PDB file of N, CA and C in Angstrom:
ATOM      1  N   MET A   1     -12.822  -9.118  67.177  1.00  0.00           N
ATOM      2  CA  MET A   1     -11.709  -9.744  67.862  1.00  0.00           C
ATOM      3  C   MET A   1     -10.959 -10.610  66.858  1.00  0.00           C
ATOM      4  N   SER A   2      -9.661 -10.420  66.732  1.00  0.00           N
ATOM      5  CA  SER A   2      -8.884 -11.197  65.783  1.00  0.00           C
ATOM      6  C   SER A   2      -8.099 -12.273  66.516  1.00  0.00           C
ATOM      7  N   ALA A   3      -7.778 -13.310  65.790  1.00  0.00           N
ATOM      8  CA  ALA A   3      -7.039 -14.422  66.372  1.00  0.00           C
ATOM      9  C   ALA A   3      -5.550 -14.067  66.433  1.00  0.00           C
ATOM     10  N   PRO A   4      -4.856 -14.537  67.465  1.00  0.00           N
ATOM     11  CA  PRO A   4      -3.419 -14.286  67.546  1.00  0.00           C
ATOM     12  C   PRO A   4      -2.687 -14.980  66.388  1.00  0.00           C
ATOM     13  N   ASN A   5      -1.501 -14.514  66.104  1.00  0.00           N
ATOM     14  CA  ASN A   5      -0.712 -15.112  65.021  1.00  0.00           C
ATOM     15  C   ASN A   5      -0.478 -16.590  65.281  1.00  0.00           C
ATOM     16  N   GLY A   6      -0.621 -17.376  64.227  1.00  0.00           N
ATOM     17  CA  GLY A   6      -0.388 -18.807  64.332  1.00  0.00           C
ATOM     18  C   GLY A   6      -1.586 -19.610  64.787  1.00  0.00           C
ATOM     19  N   VAL A   7      -2.671 -18.959  65.169  1.00  0.00           N
ATOM     20  CA  VAL A   7      -3.864 -19.671  65.619  1.00  0.00           C
ATOM     21  C   VAL A   7      -4.894 -19.630  64.505  1.00  0.00           C
ATOM     22  N   ARG A   8      -5.364 -20.801  64.131  1.00  0.00           N
ATOM     23  CA  ARG A   8      -6.364 -20.878  63.064  1.00  0.00           C
ATOM     24  C   ARG A   8      -7.756 -20.773  63.643  1.00  0.00           C
ATOM     25  N   THR A   9      -8.577 -20.006  62.973  1.00  0.00           N
ATOM     26  CA  THR A   9      -9.967 -19.907  63.396  1.00  0.00           C
ATOM     27  C   THR A   9     -10.775 -20.935  62.606  1.00  0.00           C
ATOM     28  N   PRO A  10     -11.729 -21.581  63.236  1.00  0.00           N
ATOM     29  CA  PRO A  10     -12.518 -22.586  62.515  1.00  0.00           C
ATOM     30  C   PRO A  10     -13.371 -21.927  61.435  1.00  0.00           C
ATOM     31  N   ARG A  11     -13.427 -22.596  60.296  1.00  0.00           N
ATOM     32  CA  ARG A  11     -14.262 -22.112  59.198  1.00  0.00           C
ATOM     33  C   ARG A  11     -15.523 -22.961  59.107  1.00  0.00           C
ATOM     34  N   ALA A  12     -16.478 -22.429  58.406  1.00  0.00           N
ATOM     35  CA  ALA A  12     -17.717 -23.182  58.198  1.00  0.00           C
ATOM     36  C   ALA A  12     -17.406 -24.406  57.340  1.00  0.00           C
ATOM     37  N   PRO A  13     -18.024 -25.546  57.628  1.00  0.00           N
ATOM     38  CA  PRO A  13     -17.752 -26.737  56.828  1.00  0.00           C
ATOM     39  C   PRO A  13     -18.229 -26.562  55.388  1.00  0.00           C
ATOM     40  N   MET A  14     -17.553 -27.248  54.477  1.00  0.00           N
ATOM     41  CA  MET A  14     -17.916 -27.194  53.071  1.00  0.00           C
ATOM     42  C   MET A  14     -19.252 -27.913  52.875  1.00  0.00           C
ATOM     43  N   PRO A  15     -20.157 -27.325  52.092  1.00  0.00           N
ATOM     44  CA  PRO A  15     -21.450 -27.996  51.842  1.00  0.00           C
ATOM     45  C   PRO A  15     -21.251 -29.361  51.188  1.00  0.00           C
ATOM     46  N   LEU A  16     -22.185 -30.248  51.453  1.00  0.00           N
ATOM     47  CA  LEU A  16     -22.079 -31.613  50.946  1.00  0.00           C
ATOM     48  C   LEU A  16     -22.056 -31.660  49.424  1.00  0.00           C
ATOM     49  N   TRP A  17     -22.837 -30.798  48.760  1.00  0.00           N
ATOM     50  CA  TRP A  17     -22.865 -30.842  47.298  1.00  0.00           C
ATOM     51  C   TRP A  17     -21.519 -30.448  46.716  1.00  0.00           C
ATOM     52  N   LYS A  18     -20.774 -29.578  47.390  1.00  0.00           N
ATOM     53  CA  LYS A  18     -19.441 -29.218  46.890  1.00  0.00           C
ATOM     54  C   LYS A  18     -18.459 -30.364  47.055  1.00  0.00           C
ATOM     55  N   ARG A  19     -18.596 -31.114  48.118  1.00  0.00           N
ATOM     56  CA  ARG A  19     -17.729 -32.287  48.309  1.00  0.00           C
ATOM     57  C   ARG A  19     -17.983 -33.322  47.216  1.00  0.00           C
ATOM     58  N   PHE A  20     -19.264 -33.585  46.961  1.00  0.00           N
ATOM     59  CA  PHE A  20     -19.592 -34.542  45.910  1.00  0.00           C
ATOM     60  C   PHE A  20     -19.150 -34.023  44.544  1.00  0.00           C
ATOM     61  N   TRP A  21     -19.294 -32.720  44.310  1.00  0.00           N
ATOM     62  CA  TRP A  21     -18.868 -32.140  43.043  1.00  0.00           C
ATOM     63  C   TRP A  21     -17.359 -32.294  42.868  1.00  0.00           C
ATOM     64  N   LEU A  22     -16.610 -32.059  43.924  1.00  0.00           N
ATOM     65  CA  LEU A  22     -15.163 -32.191  43.854  1.00  0.00           C
ATOM     66  C   LEU A  22     -14.765 -33.632  43.557  1.00  0.00           C
ATOM     67  N   LEU A  23     -15.384 -34.579  44.219  1.00  0.00           N
ATOM     68  CA  LEU A  23     -15.118 -35.990  43.956  1.00  0.00           C
ATOM     69  C   LEU A  23     -15.477 -36.350  42.518  1.00  0.00           C
ATOM     70  N   PHE A  24     -16.660 -35.947  42.080  1.00  0.00           N
ATOM     71  CA  PHE A  24     -17.089 -36.227  40.715  1.00  0.00           C
ATOM     72  C   PHE A  24     -16.139 -35.604  39.695  1.00  0.00           C
ATOM     73  N   THR A  25     -15.691 -34.375  39.942  1.00  0.00           N
ATOM     74  CA  THR A  25     -14.820 -33.684  39.001  1.00  0.00           C
ATOM     75  C   THR A  25     -13.494 -34.398  38.849  1.00  0.00           C
ATOM     76  N   VAL A  26     -12.921 -34.830  39.947  1.00  0.00           N
ATOM     77  CA  VAL A  26     -11.643 -35.544  39.866  1.00  0.00           C
ATOM     78  C   VAL A  26     -11.803 -36.827  39.058  1.00  0.00           C
ATOM     79  N   ILE A  27     -12.835 -37.580  39.356  1.00  0.00           N
ATOM     80  CA  ILE A  27     -13.070 -38.828  38.619  1.00  0.00           C
ATOM     81  C   ILE A  27     -13.362 -38.532  37.151  1.00  0.00           C
ATOM     82  N   TRP A  28     -14.217 -37.535  36.878  1.00  0.00           N
ATOM     83  CA  TRP A  28     -14.590 -37.190  35.511  1.00  0.00           C
ATOM     84  C   TRP A  28     -13.375 -36.776  34.679  1.00  0.00           C
ATOM     85  N   VAL A  29     -12.529 -35.922  35.237  1.00  0.00           N
ATOM     86  CA  VAL A  29     -11.356 -35.440  34.495  1.00  0.00           C
ATOM     87  C   VAL A  29     -10.385 -36.582  34.237  1.00  0.00           C
ATOM     88  N   LEU A  30     -10.172 -37.452  35.207  1.00  0.00           N
ATOM     89  CA  LEU A  30      -9.280 -38.589  34.992  1.00  0.00           C
ATOM     90  C   LEU A  30      -9.800 -39.512  33.894  1.00  0.00           C
ATOM     91  N   VAL A  31     -11.085 -39.809  33.916  1.00  0.00           N
ATOM     92  CA  VAL A  31     -11.660 -40.682  32.892  1.00  0.00           C
ATOM     93  C   VAL A  31     -11.615 -40.004  31.518  1.00  0.00           C
ATOM     94  N   ALA A  32     -11.899 -38.708  31.464  1.00  0.00           N
ATOM     95  CA  ALA A  32     -11.846 -37.989  30.188  1.00  0.00           C
ATOM     96  C   ALA A  32     -10.429 -37.954  29.632  1.00  0.00           C
ATOM     97  N   LEU A  33      -9.449 -37.749  30.497  1.00  0.00           N
ATOM     98  CA  LEU A  33      -8.060 -37.748  30.033  1.00  0.00           C
ATOM     99  C   LEU A  33      -7.620 -39.143  29.589  1.00  0.00           C
ATOM    100  N   LEU A  34      -8.048 -40.171  30.294  1.00  0.00           N
ATOM    101  CA  LEU A  34      -7.742 -41.535  29.849  1.00  0.00           C
ATOM    102  C   LEU A  34      -8.380 -41.817  28.497  1.00  0.00           C
ATOM    103  N   ASN A  35      -9.595 -41.332  28.303  1.00  0.00           N
ATOM    104  CA  ASN A  35     -10.275 -41.499  27.024  1.00  0.00           C
ATOM    105  C   ASN A  35      -9.508 -40.791  25.907  1.00  0.00           C
ATOM    106  N   ALA A  36      -9.061 -39.570  26.162  1.00  0.00           N
ATOM    107  CA  ALA A  36      -8.309 -38.815  25.162  1.00  0.00           C
ATOM    108  C   ALA A  36      -6.976 -39.496  24.860  1.00  0.00           C
ATOM    109  N   MET A  37      -6.292 -39.959  25.902  1.00  0.00           N
ATOM    110  CA  MET A  37      -4.998 -40.625  25.698  1.00  0.00           C
ATOM    111  C   MET A  37      -5.170 -41.938  24.931  1.00  0.00           C
ATOM    112  N   THR A  38      -6.232 -42.664  25.213  1.00  0.00           N
ATOM    113  CA  THR A  38      -6.494 -43.902  24.481  1.00  0.00           C
ATOM    114  C   THR A  38      -6.764 -43.606  23.016  1.00  0.00           C
ATOM    115  N   THR A  39      -7.513 -42.553  22.763  1.00  0.00           N
ATOM    116  CA  THR A  39      -7.790 -42.167  21.382  1.00  0.00           C
ATOM    117  C   THR A  39      -6.499 -41.814  20.654  1.00  0.00           C
ATOM    118  N   VAL A  40      -5.640 -41.069  21.297  1.00  0.00           N
ATOM    119  CA  VAL A  40      -4.372 -40.674  20.678  1.00  0.00           C
ATOM    120  C   VAL A  40      -3.462 -41.881  20.480  1.00  0.00           C
ATOM    121  N   ALA A  41      -3.420 -42.779  21.462  1.00  0.00           N
ATOM    122  CA  ALA A  41      -2.493 -43.907  21.406  1.00  0.00           C
ATOM    123  C   ALA A  41      -2.885 -44.957  20.375  1.00  0.00           C
ATOM    124  N   PHE A  42      -4.171 -45.223  20.210  1.00  0.00           N
ATOM    125  CA  PHE A  42      -4.585 -46.338  19.380  1.00  0.00           C
ATOM    126  C   PHE A  42      -5.190 -45.957  18.032  1.00  0.00           C
ATOM    127  N   ALA A  43      -5.430 -44.698  17.807  1.00  0.00           N
ATOM    128  CA  ALA A  43      -6.005 -44.279  16.530  1.00  0.00           C
ATOM    129  C   ALA A  43      -4.883 -44.098  15.507  1.00  0.00           C
ATOM    130  N   GLU A  44      -5.112 -44.613  14.315  1.00  0.00           N
ATOM    131  CA  GLU A  44      -4.116 -44.421  13.261  1.00  0.00           C
ATOM    132  C   GLU A  44      -4.132 -42.981  12.769  1.00  0.00           C
ATOM    133  N   GLU A  45      -5.332 -42.434  12.659  1.00  0.00           N
ATOM    134  CA  GLU A  45      -5.468 -41.041  12.242  1.00  0.00           C
ATOM    135  C   GLU A  45      -6.581 -40.411  13.071  1.00  0.00           C
ATOM    136  N   ILE A  46      -6.256 -39.342  13.755  1.00  0.00           N
ATOM    137  CA  ILE A  46      -7.230 -38.682  14.617  1.00  0.00           C
ATOM    138  C   ILE A  46      -7.891 -37.555  13.840  1.00  0.00           C
ATOM    139  N   PRO A  47      -9.225 -37.558  13.765  1.00  0.00           N
ATOM    140  CA  PRO A  47      -9.891 -36.419  13.130  1.00  0.00           C
ATOM    141  C   PRO A  47      -9.547 -35.130  13.886  1.00  0.00           C
ATOM    142  N   PRO A  48      -9.352 -34.033  13.170  1.00  0.00           N
ATOM    143  CA  PRO A  48      -8.915 -32.800  13.829  1.00  0.00           C
ATOM    144  C   PRO A  48      -9.884 -32.262  14.885  1.00  0.00           C
ATOM    145  N   ASP A  49     -11.158 -32.578  14.783  1.00  0.00           N
ATOM    146  CA  ASP A  49     -12.118 -32.055  15.754  1.00  0.00           C
ATOM    147  C   ASP A  49     -12.328 -32.986  16.949  1.00  0.00           C
ATOM    148  N   ARG A  50     -11.743 -34.157  16.950  1.00  0.00           N
ATOM    149  CA  ARG A  50     -11.989 -35.149  17.997  1.00  0.00           C
ATOM    150  C   ARG A  50     -11.323 -34.789  19.332  1.00  0.00           C
ATOM    151  N   LEU A  51     -10.048 -34.446  19.319  1.00  0.00           N
ATOM    152  CA  LEU A  51      -9.326 -34.190  20.559  1.00  0.00           C
ATOM    153  C   LEU A  51      -9.815 -32.947  21.298  1.00  0.00           C
ATOM    154  N   PRO A  52     -10.030 -31.813  20.631  1.00  0.00           N
ATOM    155  CA  PRO A  52     -10.584 -30.657  21.368  1.00  0.00           C
ATOM    156  C   PRO A  52     -11.957 -30.938  21.976  1.00  0.00           C
ATOM    157  N   THR A  53     -12.755 -31.762  21.299  1.00  0.00           N
ATOM    158  CA  THR A  53     -14.067 -32.123  21.831  1.00  0.00           C
ATOM    159  C   THR A  53     -13.921 -32.926  23.119  1.00  0.00           C
ATOM    160  N   LEU A  54     -13.000 -33.867  23.138  1.00  0.00           N
ATOM    161  CA  LEU A  54     -12.781 -34.672  24.339  1.00  0.00           C
ATOM    162  C   LEU A  54     -12.281 -33.810  25.499  1.00  0.00           C
ATOM    163  N   LEU A  55     -11.338 -32.936  25.209  1.00  0.00           N
ATOM    164  CA  LEU A  55     -10.774 -32.109  26.273  1.00  0.00           C
ATOM    165  C   LEU A  55     -11.772 -31.058  26.763  1.00  0.00           C
ATOM    166  N   ALA A  56     -12.598 -30.535  25.865  1.00  0.00           N
ATOM    167  CA  ALA A  56     -13.629 -29.579  26.289  1.00  0.00           C
ATOM    168  C   ALA A  56     -14.657 -30.262  27.181  1.00  0.00           C
ATOM    169  N   GLY A  57     -14.979 -31.509  26.871  1.00  0.00           N
ATOM    170  CA  GLY A  57     -15.909 -32.262  27.700  1.00  0.00           C
ATOM    171  C   GLY A  57     -15.393 -32.477  29.108  1.00  0.00           C
ATOM    172  N   ALA A  58     -14.066 -32.525  29.250  1.00  0.00           N
ATOM    173  CA  ALA A  58     -13.473 -32.700  30.576  1.00  0.00           C
ATOM    174  C   ALA A  58     -13.635 -31.444  31.423  1.00  0.00           C
ATOM    175  N   VAL A  59     -13.861 -30.299  30.796  1.00  0.00           N
ATOM    176  CA  VAL A  59     -13.981 -29.041  31.527  1.00  0.00           C
ATOM    177  C   VAL A  59     -15.436 -28.570  31.611  1.00  0.00           C
ATOM    178  N   VAL A  60     -16.190 -28.734  30.537  1.00  0.00           N
ATOM    179  CA  VAL A  60     -17.544 -28.183  30.460  1.00  0.00           C
ATOM    180  C   VAL A  60     -18.516 -28.889  31.417  1.00  0.00           C
ATOM    181  N   VAL A  61     -18.462 -30.197  31.474  1.00  0.00           N
ATOM    182  CA  VAL A  61     -19.428 -30.933  32.313  1.00  0.00           C
ATOM    183  C   VAL A  61     -19.252 -30.603  33.798  1.00  0.00           C
ATOM    184  N   PRO A  62     -18.034 -30.648  34.363  1.00  0.00           N
ATOM    185  CA  PRO A  62     -17.910 -30.264  35.779  1.00  0.00           C
ATOM    186  C   PRO A  62     -18.282 -28.805  36.039  1.00  0.00           C
ATOM    187  N   ALA A  63     -17.965 -27.909  35.114  1.00  0.00           N
ATOM    188  CA  ALA A  63     -18.326 -26.500  35.300  1.00  0.00           C
ATOM    189  C   ALA A  63     -19.843 -26.324  35.312  1.00  0.00           C
ATOM    190  N   PHE A  64     -20.528 -27.025  34.421  1.00  0.00           N
ATOM    191  CA  PHE A  64     -21.991 -26.959  34.387  1.00  0.00           C
ATOM    192  C   PHE A  64     -22.588 -27.497  35.687  1.00  0.00           C
ATOM    193  N   LEU A  65     -22.060 -28.611  36.175  1.00  0.00           N
ATOM    194  CA  LEU A  65     -22.592 -29.180  37.413  1.00  0.00           C
ATOM    195  C   LEU A  65     -22.334 -28.281  38.617  1.00  0.00           C
ATOM    196  N   TYR A  66     -21.182 -27.604  38.639  1.00  0.00           N
ATOM    197  CA  TYR A  66     -20.918 -26.666  39.729  1.00  0.00           C
ATOM    198  C   TYR A  66     -21.907 -25.512  39.682  1.00  0.00           C
ATOM    199  N   ALA A  67     -22.145 -24.984  38.488  1.00  0.00           N
ATOM    200  CA  ALA A  67     -23.092 -23.874  38.350  1.00  0.00           C
ATOM    201  C   ALA A  67     -24.496 -24.310  38.776  1.00  0.00           C
ATOM    202  N   ALA A  68     -24.889 -25.535  38.417  1.00  0.00           N
ATOM    203  CA  ALA A  68     -26.204 -26.038  38.813  1.00  0.00           C
ATOM    204  C   ALA A  68     -26.302 -26.180  40.328  1.00  0.00           C
ATOM    205  N   GLY A  69     -25.271 -26.707  40.960  1.00  0.00           N
ATOM    206  CA  GLY A  69     -25.270 -26.841  42.411  1.00  0.00           C
ATOM    207  C   GLY A  69     -25.270 -25.490  43.107  1.00  0.00           C
ATOM    208  N   PHE A  70     -24.512 -24.538  42.566  1.00  0.00           N
ATOM    209  CA  PHE A  70     -24.447 -23.201  43.140  1.00  0.00           C
ATOM    210  C   PHE A  70     -25.810 -22.516  43.061  1.00  0.00           C
ATOM    211  N   LEU A  71     -26.462 -22.615  41.904  1.00  0.00           N
ATOM    212  CA  LEU A  71     -27.780 -22.003  41.746  1.00  0.00           C
ATOM    213  C   LEU A  71     -28.815 -22.668  42.658  1.00  0.00           C
ATOM    214  N   ARG A  72     -28.751 -23.963  42.760  1.00  0.00           N
ATOM    215  CA  ARG A  72     -29.681 -24.692  43.635  1.00  0.00           C
ATOM    216  C   ARG A  72     -29.488 -24.249  45.086  1.00  0.00           C
ATOM    217  N   ASP A  73     -28.224 -24.107  45.493  1.00  0.00           N
ATOM    218  CA  ASP A  73     -27.937 -23.675  46.854  1.00  0.00           C
ATOM    219  C   ASP A  73     -28.449 -22.254  47.101  1.00  0.00           C
ATOM    220  N   ARG A  74     -28.264 -21.363  46.136  1.00  0.00           N
ATOM    221  CA  ARG A  74     -28.731 -19.984  46.269  1.00  0.00           C
ATOM    222  C   ARG A  74     -30.267 -19.908  46.362  1.00  0.00           C
ATOM    223  N   LEU A  75     -30.928 -20.703  45.527  1.00  0.00           N
ATOM    224  CA  LEU A  75     -32.387 -20.686  45.523  1.00  0.00           C
ATOM    225  C   LEU A  75     -32.970 -21.293  46.801  1.00  0.00           C
ATOM    226  N   ARG A  76     -32.291 -22.270  47.366  1.00  0.00           N
ATOM    227  CA  ARG A  76     -32.788 -22.885  48.612  1.00  0.00           C
ATOM    228  C   ARG A  76     -32.636 -21.955  49.807  1.00  0.00           C
ATOM    229  N   ARG A  77     -31.636 -21.084  49.770  1.00  0.00           N
ATOM    230  CA  ARG A  77     -31.415 -20.167  50.893  1.00  0.00           C
ATOM    231  C   ARG A  77     -32.495 -19.088  50.976  1.00  0.00           C
ATOM    232  N   LYS A  78     -33.069 -18.726  49.837  1.00  0.00           N
ATOM    233  CA  LYS A  78     -34.065 -17.652  49.829  1.00  0.00           C
ATOM    234  C   LYS A  78     -35.398 -18.105  50.305  1.00  0.00           C
TER     235      LYS A  78
END
């Protein structure tokens, strides 16, 4: 049975670990970007490997935590 046009069907609620991950990711990325901007603004000379390391850290840590939460959720279901 399909829903009529314009009527939304309720979806399953988002798991709690995904909500916390989303909150953590937003905070983590903002802090990492502030750290990178501070480094750029106040450093007289930026080492060439410093900025990519900071920006990669803004992406790698949340991705790792999502993968860990996803695997934990999969293992708990079995």
